[in-house]
């Protein structure tokens, strides 16, 4: 399965926002762009989709930026990707009308199972899970020392 750059950047940006959850300061696109090395223009497109899906709130003005709309434990990878990767969550269609019985079997025994597994896997991972893993990785890097 291939997730587009937009989908990967969307998840990375949301994890970055999750770091600031609970603070009163919104996070700017420029800050995300600088920390993650993602184009500001590209991030604006991503955040437009995230805002439309009500995953982030935007604050206008000189002190503005973005904040998570819900706590990190309440936002799943599935929600983020479904906001950005529309084709990822579309149901798999039939190959041809001439293959009606085969299409039924393929749908029932393969594509429906695959769709459900993708849905379940992505719904099982929250922003909080990803943030915890990121913090753990950062902490292990700072504890490394050489003799």
N, C-alpha and C. Protein backbone atom coordinates (compact mmCIF):
# COMPACT_ATOMS: atom_id res chain seq x y z
N UNK A 1 0.85 -1.17 0.00
CA UNK A 1 0.00 0.00 0.00
C UNK A 1 0.89 1.24 0.00
N UNK A 2 0.53 2.19 -0.80
CA UNK A 2 1.34 3.40 -0.90
C UNK A 2 0.52 4.61 -0.45
N UNK A 3 0.99 5.25 0.58
CA UNK A 3 0.39 6.48 1.07
C UNK A 3 1.13 7.63 0.39
N UNK A 4 0.40 8.60 -0.12
CA UNK A 4 1.02 9.73 -0.81
C UNK A 4 1.82 10.59 0.16
N UNK A 5 2.65 11.45 -0.41
CA UNK A 5 3.41 12.39 0.41
C UNK A 5 2.46 13.26 1.22
N UNK A 6 1.35 13.65 0.61
CA UNK A 6 0.38 14.49 1.31
C UNK A 6 -0.16 13.77 2.55
N UNK A 7 -0.43 12.48 2.43
CA UNK A 7 -0.91 11.70 3.57
C UNK A 7 0.14 11.57 4.66
N UNK A 8 1.38 11.29 4.26
CA UNK A 8 2.48 11.17 5.24
C UNK A 8 2.72 12.50 5.94
N UNK A 9 2.72 13.59 5.17
CA UNK A 9 2.93 14.91 5.76
C UNK A 9 1.78 15.28 6.69
N UNK A 10 0.57 14.88 6.33
CA UNK A 10 -0.59 15.16 7.17
C UNK A 10 -0.46 14.50 8.53
N UNK A 11 -0.07 13.23 8.53
CA UNK A 11 0.09 12.52 9.80
C UNK A 11 1.25 13.12 10.60
N UNK A 12 2.37 13.38 9.95
CA UNK A 12 3.52 13.96 10.65
C UNK A 12 3.17 15.31 11.25
N UNK A 13 2.44 16.12 10.51
CA UNK A 13 2.05 17.45 11.01
C UNK A 13 1.11 17.34 12.19
N UNK A 14 0.21 16.38 12.14
CA UNK A 14 -0.73 16.20 13.25
C UNK A 14 0.00 15.71 14.50
N UNK A 15 0.99 14.85 14.34
CA UNK A 15 1.78 14.41 15.50
C UNK A 15 2.54 15.60 16.08
N UNK A 16 3.07 16.45 15.19
CA UNK A 16 3.77 17.65 15.65
C UNK A 16 2.81 18.56 16.42
N UNK A 17 1.59 18.72 15.92
CA UNK A 17 0.58 19.52 16.63
C UNK A 17 0.24 18.90 17.99
N UNK A 18 0.21 17.58 18.03
CA UNK A 18 -0.13 16.88 19.27
C UNK A 18 0.87 17.20 20.38
N UNK A 19 2.11 17.50 20.01
CA UNK A 19 3.11 17.89 21.01
C UNK A 19 2.69 19.14 21.77
N UNK A 20 1.95 20.01 21.11
CA UNK A 20 1.55 21.28 21.72
C UNK A 20 0.14 21.25 22.28
N UNK A 21 -0.49 20.08 22.25
CA UNK A 21 -1.87 20.00 22.74
C UNK A 21 -1.91 20.37 24.22
N UNK A 22 -2.89 21.18 24.57
CA UNK A 22 -3.05 21.59 25.96
C UNK A 22 -2.39 22.92 26.27
N UNK A 23 -1.57 23.43 25.36
CA UNK A 23 -1.00 24.76 25.55
C UNK A 23 -1.93 25.76 24.89
N UNK A 24 -1.82 26.99 25.26
CA UNK A 24 -2.71 28.01 24.69
C UNK A 24 -2.21 28.55 23.35
N UNK A 25 -0.96 28.26 23.01
CA UNK A 25 -0.40 28.82 21.78
C UNK A 25 -0.65 27.91 20.59
N UNK A 26 -1.25 28.47 19.54
CA UNK A 26 -1.41 27.69 18.31
C UNK A 26 -0.05 27.53 17.61
N UNK A 27 0.05 26.53 16.78
CA UNK A 27 1.29 26.24 16.05
C UNK A 27 1.14 26.75 14.63
N UNK A 28 2.14 27.48 14.16
CA UNK A 28 2.06 28.06 12.82
C UNK A 28 2.53 27.06 11.76
N UNK A 29 2.05 27.28 10.55
CA UNK A 29 2.50 26.47 9.41
C UNK A 29 4.01 26.63 9.24
N UNK A 30 4.50 27.85 9.45
CA UNK A 30 5.94 28.11 9.29
C UNK A 30 6.74 27.26 10.28
N UNK A 31 6.27 27.18 11.52
CA UNK A 31 6.96 26.38 12.53
C UNK A 31 6.98 24.90 12.13
N UNK A 32 5.84 24.40 11.69
CA UNK A 32 5.76 22.99 11.26
C UNK A 32 6.69 22.77 10.08
N UNK A 33 6.65 23.70 9.13
CA UNK A 33 7.49 23.61 7.93
C UNK A 33 8.97 23.54 8.29
N UNK A 34 9.39 24.41 9.19
CA UNK A 34 10.81 24.45 9.59
C UNK A 34 11.22 23.20 10.36
N UNK A 35 10.38 22.74 11.28
CA UNK A 35 10.74 21.58 12.11
C UNK A 35 10.71 20.27 11.33
N UNK A 36 9.77 20.15 10.39
CA UNK A 36 9.63 18.88 9.68
C UNK A 36 10.23 18.90 8.28
N UNK A 37 10.65 20.07 7.82
CA UNK A 37 11.25 20.16 6.49
C UNK A 37 10.25 19.94 5.37
N UNK A 38 9.04 20.45 5.55
CA UNK A 38 7.98 20.30 4.55
C UNK A 38 7.65 21.69 4.00
N UNK A 39 7.41 21.76 2.71
CA UNK A 39 7.07 23.03 2.07
C UNK A 39 5.85 23.69 2.71
N UNK A 40 5.96 24.98 2.97
CA UNK A 40 4.86 25.75 3.56
C UNK A 40 3.62 25.70 2.67
N UNK A 41 3.81 25.84 1.38
CA UNK A 41 2.68 25.83 0.44
C UNK A 41 1.98 24.47 0.47
N UNK A 42 2.77 23.40 0.53
CA UNK A 42 2.20 22.06 0.58
C UNK A 42 1.43 21.86 1.88
N UNK A 43 1.98 22.35 2.98
CA UNK A 43 1.30 22.22 4.27
C UNK A 43 -0.03 22.98 4.29
N UNK A 44 -0.09 24.11 3.62
CA UNK A 44 -1.35 24.86 3.56
C UNK A 44 -2.44 24.03 2.91
N UNK A 45 -2.09 23.28 1.88
CA UNK A 45 -3.07 22.39 1.23
C UNK A 45 -3.51 21.29 2.20
N UNK A 46 -2.56 20.70 2.89
CA UNK A 46 -2.85 19.64 3.84
C UNK A 46 -3.76 20.15 4.95
N UNK A 47 -3.44 21.32 5.51
CA UNK A 47 -4.22 21.85 6.62
C UNK A 47 -5.61 22.31 6.19
N UNK A 48 -5.75 22.68 4.95
CA UNK A 48 -7.08 23.00 4.43
C UNK A 48 -7.98 21.76 4.50
N UNK A 49 -7.44 20.61 4.13
CA UNK A 49 -8.20 19.35 4.19
C UNK A 49 -8.46 18.93 5.64
N UNK A 50 -7.47 19.10 6.50
CA UNK A 50 -7.64 18.73 7.91
C UNK A 50 -8.68 19.62 8.59
N UNK A 51 -8.67 20.89 8.24
CA UNK A 51 -9.64 21.83 8.81
C UNK A 51 -11.05 21.49 8.33
N UNK A 52 -11.18 21.19 7.04
CA UNK A 52 -12.48 20.84 6.47
C UNK A 52 -13.06 19.60 7.16
N UNK A 53 -12.18 18.69 7.57
CA UNK A 53 -12.62 17.47 8.25
C UNK A 53 -12.75 17.66 9.76
N UNK A 54 -12.58 18.89 10.21
CA UNK A 54 -12.73 19.25 11.63
C UNK A 54 -11.75 18.52 12.55
N UNK A 55 -10.55 18.27 12.03
CA UNK A 55 -9.51 17.66 12.86
C UNK A 55 -8.63 18.71 13.51
N UNK A 56 -8.59 19.91 12.91
CA UNK A 56 -7.83 21.03 13.48
C UNK A 56 -8.71 22.27 13.51
N UNK A 57 -8.37 23.16 14.42
CA UNK A 57 -8.99 24.48 14.47
C UNK A 57 -7.94 25.49 14.06
N UNK A 58 -8.36 26.52 13.35
CA UNK A 58 -7.41 27.57 12.98
C UNK A 58 -7.72 28.82 13.77
N UNK A 59 -6.68 29.50 14.16
CA UNK A 59 -6.79 30.77 14.88
C UNK A 59 -6.16 31.82 13.99
N UNK A 60 -6.92 32.84 13.67
CA UNK A 60 -6.43 33.89 12.77
C UNK A 60 -5.69 34.96 13.55
N UNK A 61 -4.92 35.75 12.84
CA UNK A 61 -4.23 36.88 13.45
C UNK A 61 -2.74 36.65 13.58
N UNK A 62 -2.08 37.66 14.14
CA UNK A 62 -0.62 37.61 14.25
C UNK A 62 -0.15 36.50 15.20
N UNK A 63 -0.97 36.14 16.16
CA UNK A 63 -0.63 35.06 17.09
C UNK A 63 -1.36 33.77 16.71
N UNK A 64 -1.80 33.70 15.47
CA UNK A 64 -2.62 32.58 15.01
C UNK A 64 -1.82 31.36 14.62
N UNK A 65 -2.54 30.35 14.22
CA UNK A 65 -1.96 29.08 13.81
C UNK A 65 -3.00 28.00 13.90
N UNK A 66 -2.56 26.79 14.18
CA UNK A 66 -3.46 25.64 14.25
C UNK A 66 -3.32 24.91 15.57
N UNK A 67 -4.44 24.31 15.98
CA UNK A 67 -4.48 23.46 17.17
C UNK A 67 -5.33 22.25 16.84
N UNK A 68 -5.08 21.15 17.55
CA UNK A 68 -5.92 19.97 17.38
C UNK A 68 -7.34 20.31 17.83
N UNK A 69 -8.32 19.79 17.12
CA UNK A 69 -9.71 20.02 17.48
C UNK A 69 -10.16 19.12 18.63
N UNK A 70 -9.45 18.01 18.83
CA UNK A 70 -9.76 17.06 19.90
C UNK A 70 -8.44 16.59 20.52
N UNK A 71 -8.53 15.95 21.66
CA UNK A 71 -7.30 15.43 22.29
C UNK A 71 -6.61 14.39 21.39
N UNK A 72 -5.30 14.25 21.52
CA UNK A 72 -4.56 13.29 20.69
C UNK A 72 -5.07 11.86 20.78
N UNK A 73 -5.57 11.46 21.95
CA UNK A 73 -6.07 10.09 22.08
C UNK A 73 -7.38 9.88 21.33
N UNK A 74 -8.02 10.96 20.91
CA UNK A 74 -9.33 10.87 20.25
C UNK A 74 -9.25 11.06 18.74
N UNK A 75 -8.05 11.13 18.19
CA UNK A 75 -7.88 11.29 16.74
C UNK A 75 -7.06 10.10 16.24
N UNK A 76 -7.61 9.38 15.26
CA UNK A 76 -6.92 8.20 14.74
C UNK A 76 -6.23 8.48 13.41
N UNK A 77 -5.30 7.59 13.09
CA UNK A 77 -4.62 7.68 11.79
C UNK A 77 -5.64 7.54 10.66
N UNK A 78 -6.67 6.74 10.87
CA UNK A 78 -7.71 6.58 9.85
C UNK A 78 -8.41 7.91 9.56
N UNK A 79 -8.74 8.65 10.60
CA UNK A 79 -9.41 9.94 10.40
C UNK A 79 -8.53 10.90 9.61
N UNK A 80 -7.25 10.92 9.94
CA UNK A 80 -6.34 11.84 9.26
C UNK A 80 -6.20 11.44 7.79
N UNK A 81 -5.92 10.16 7.56
CA UNK A 81 -5.74 9.73 6.18
C UNK A 81 -7.02 9.82 5.36
N UNK A 82 -8.17 9.57 5.99
CA UNK A 82 -9.41 9.68 5.23
C UNK A 82 -9.73 11.13 4.88
N UNK A 83 -9.20 12.07 5.64
CA UNK A 83 -9.38 13.49 5.31
C UNK A 83 -8.50 13.89 4.14
N UNK A 84 -7.36 13.23 4.00
CA UNK A 84 -6.37 13.63 2.99
C UNK A 84 -6.34 12.68 1.80
N UNK A 85 -6.41 11.39 2.06
CA UNK A 85 -6.31 10.35 1.02
C UNK A 85 -7.71 9.81 0.71
N UNK A 86 -8.48 10.57 -0.03
CA UNK A 86 -9.86 10.18 -0.31
C UNK A 86 -9.92 8.79 -0.96
N UNK A 87 -9.04 8.51 -1.91
CA UNK A 87 -9.06 7.24 -2.63
C UNK A 87 -8.73 6.06 -1.72
N UNK A 88 -8.01 6.30 -0.65
CA UNK A 88 -7.63 5.22 0.25
C UNK A 88 -8.84 4.59 0.93
N UNK A 89 -9.84 5.38 1.24
CA UNK A 89 -10.98 4.86 1.98
C UNK A 89 -12.16 4.50 1.09
N UNK A 90 -12.04 4.74 -0.23
CA UNK A 90 -13.12 4.34 -1.13
C UNK A 90 -13.17 2.83 -1.20
N UNK A 91 -14.37 2.29 -1.28
CA UNK A 91 -14.54 0.86 -1.41
C UNK A 91 -14.00 0.41 -2.76
N UNK A 92 -13.40 -0.77 -2.78
CA UNK A 92 -12.87 -1.32 -4.02
C UNK A 92 -14.03 -1.70 -4.93
N UNK A 93 -13.97 -1.26 -6.17
CA UNK A 93 -15.04 -1.51 -7.12
C UNK A 93 -14.85 -2.81 -7.88
N UNK A 94 -15.85 -3.14 -8.70
CA UNK A 94 -15.81 -4.35 -9.52
C UNK A 94 -14.90 -4.15 -10.72
N UNK A 95 -14.36 -5.25 -11.22
CA UNK A 95 -13.47 -5.20 -12.37
C UNK A 95 -14.24 -5.06 -13.68
N UNK A 96 -15.31 -5.82 -13.84
CA UNK A 96 -16.08 -5.80 -15.09
C UNK A 96 -17.44 -6.45 -14.84
N UNK A 97 -18.45 -5.94 -15.51
CA UNK A 97 -19.79 -6.51 -15.34
C UNK A 97 -19.87 -7.93 -15.89
N UNK A 98 -19.01 -8.29 -16.84
CA UNK A 98 -19.02 -9.63 -17.42
C UNK A 98 -18.53 -10.68 -16.43
N UNK A 99 -17.89 -10.25 -15.37
CA UNK A 99 -17.35 -11.18 -14.38
C UNK A 99 -18.17 -11.11 -13.09
N UNK A 100 -19.47 -11.09 -13.19
CA UNK A 100 -20.34 -10.86 -12.03
C UNK A 100 -20.06 -11.80 -10.87
N UNK A 101 -20.02 -13.12 -11.12
CA UNK A 101 -19.78 -14.08 -10.03
C UNK A 101 -18.37 -13.95 -9.47
N UNK A 102 -17.41 -13.78 -10.36
CA UNK A 102 -16.03 -13.62 -9.91
C UNK A 102 -15.88 -12.33 -9.11
N UNK A 103 -16.52 -11.26 -9.57
CA UNK A 103 -16.47 -10.00 -8.83
C UNK A 103 -17.04 -10.15 -7.43
N UNK A 104 -18.12 -10.89 -7.31
CA UNK A 104 -18.73 -11.11 -6.00
C UNK A 104 -17.74 -11.82 -5.08
N UNK A 105 -17.09 -12.87 -5.60
CA UNK A 105 -16.12 -13.63 -4.80
C UNK A 105 -14.92 -12.76 -4.45
N UNK A 106 -14.40 -12.03 -5.43
CA UNK A 106 -13.26 -11.14 -5.16
C UNK A 106 -13.61 -10.10 -4.12
N UNK A 107 -14.78 -9.54 -4.25
CA UNK A 107 -15.22 -8.53 -3.30
C UNK A 107 -15.36 -9.12 -1.90
N UNK A 108 -16.08 -10.21 -1.80
CA UNK A 108 -16.35 -10.82 -0.50
C UNK A 108 -15.10 -11.39 0.15
N UNK A 109 -14.29 -12.12 -0.61
CA UNK A 109 -13.18 -12.87 -0.03
C UNK A 109 -11.84 -12.14 -0.03
N UNK A 110 -11.75 -11.06 -0.77
CA UNK A 110 -10.47 -10.36 -0.82
C UNK A 110 -10.61 -8.88 -0.50
N UNK A 111 -11.32 -8.15 -1.34
CA UNK A 111 -11.33 -6.70 -1.21
C UNK A 111 -12.06 -6.21 0.04
N UNK A 112 -13.18 -6.82 0.38
CA UNK A 112 -13.88 -6.40 1.60
C UNK A 112 -13.03 -6.69 2.84
N UNK A 113 -12.35 -7.82 2.83
CA UNK A 113 -11.47 -8.18 3.95
C UNK A 113 -10.30 -7.20 4.04
N UNK A 114 -9.71 -6.89 2.89
CA UNK A 114 -8.60 -5.94 2.85
C UNK A 114 -9.05 -4.56 3.34
N UNK A 115 -10.18 -4.08 2.82
CA UNK A 115 -10.71 -2.78 3.25
C UNK A 115 -10.94 -2.75 4.76
N UNK A 116 -11.52 -3.82 5.30
CA UNK A 116 -11.81 -3.87 6.73
C UNK A 116 -10.52 -3.90 7.56
N UNK A 117 -9.52 -4.63 7.09
CA UNK A 117 -8.24 -4.69 7.81
C UNK A 117 -7.53 -3.34 7.81
N UNK A 118 -7.55 -2.65 6.68
CA UNK A 118 -6.96 -1.31 6.62
C UNK A 118 -7.68 -0.39 7.59
N UNK A 119 -9.00 -0.42 7.55
CA UNK A 119 -9.82 0.42 8.44
C UNK A 119 -9.49 0.12 9.91
N UNK A 120 -9.49 -1.15 10.28
CA UNK A 120 -9.24 -1.54 11.67
C UNK A 120 -7.83 -1.16 12.13
N UNK A 121 -6.84 -1.39 11.28
CA UNK A 121 -5.46 -1.07 11.63
C UNK A 121 -5.27 0.42 11.84
N UNK A 122 -5.76 1.23 10.90
CA UNK A 122 -5.59 2.67 11.01
C UNK A 122 -6.42 3.26 12.15
N UNK A 123 -7.56 2.67 12.45
CA UNK A 123 -8.38 3.15 13.56
C UNK A 123 -7.80 2.78 14.92
N UNK A 124 -6.92 1.79 14.94
CA UNK A 124 -6.32 1.35 16.21
C UNK A 124 -5.14 2.23 16.63
N UNK A 125 -4.68 3.08 15.73
CA UNK A 125 -3.52 3.93 16.01
C UNK A 125 -3.98 5.37 16.20
N UNK A 126 -3.70 5.93 17.38
CA UNK A 126 -4.10 7.31 17.66
C UNK A 126 -2.89 8.24 17.58
N UNK A 127 -3.18 9.52 17.53
CA UNK A 127 -2.09 10.51 17.57
C UNK A 127 -1.29 10.36 18.85
N UNK A 128 -1.96 10.05 19.93
CA UNK A 128 -1.26 9.86 21.21
C UNK A 128 -0.26 8.71 21.12
N UNK A 129 -0.65 7.62 20.45
CA UNK A 129 0.27 6.49 20.26
C UNK A 129 1.51 6.92 19.49
N UNK A 130 1.29 7.66 18.41
CA UNK A 130 2.40 8.11 17.56
C UNK A 130 3.28 9.11 18.30
N UNK A 131 2.66 10.00 19.06
CA UNK A 131 3.41 10.99 19.83
C UNK A 131 4.27 10.30 20.90
N UNK A 132 3.70 9.32 21.57
CA UNK A 132 4.44 8.56 22.59
C UNK A 132 5.64 7.87 21.97
N UNK A 133 5.45 7.26 20.81
CA UNK A 133 6.55 6.58 20.12
C UNK A 133 7.63 7.58 19.72
N UNK A 134 7.22 8.76 19.25
CA UNK A 134 8.18 9.79 18.84
C UNK A 134 8.99 10.28 20.05
N UNK A 135 8.30 10.54 21.16
CA UNK A 135 8.99 11.00 22.37
C UNK A 135 9.96 9.93 22.88
N UNK A 136 9.53 8.68 22.84
CA UNK A 136 10.39 7.58 23.29
C UNK A 136 11.65 7.52 22.42
N UNK A 137 11.48 7.69 21.12
CA UNK A 137 12.62 7.67 20.19
C UNK A 137 13.56 8.85 20.47
N UNK A 138 12.98 10.03 20.69
CA UNK A 138 13.80 11.20 21.00
C UNK A 138 14.57 11.01 22.29
N UNK A 139 13.92 10.44 23.31
CA UNK A 139 14.58 10.20 24.60
C UNK A 139 15.70 9.18 24.47
N UNK A 140 15.50 8.16 23.67
CA UNK A 140 16.56 7.15 23.52
C UNK A 140 17.76 7.73 22.80
N UNK A 141 17.54 8.68 21.89
CA UNK A 141 18.65 9.33 21.20
C UNK A 141 19.45 10.22 22.15
N UNK A 142 18.77 10.90 23.06
CA UNK A 142 19.48 11.79 23.98
C UNK A 142 20.24 11.00 25.05
N UNK A 143 19.85 9.76 25.29
CA UNK A 143 20.53 8.95 26.29
C UNK A 143 21.75 8.22 25.74
N UNK A 144 21.93 8.24 24.44
CA UNK A 144 23.08 7.55 23.84
C UNK A 144 24.37 8.28 24.19
N UNK A 145 25.36 7.51 24.51
CA UNK A 145 26.67 8.09 24.78
C UNK A 145 27.72 7.13 24.25
N UNK A 146 28.89 7.66 24.03
CA UNK A 146 29.96 6.86 23.45
C UNK A 146 31.15 6.84 24.40
N UNK A 147 31.83 5.71 24.44
CA UNK A 147 33.02 5.57 25.29
C UNK A 147 34.26 5.62 24.42
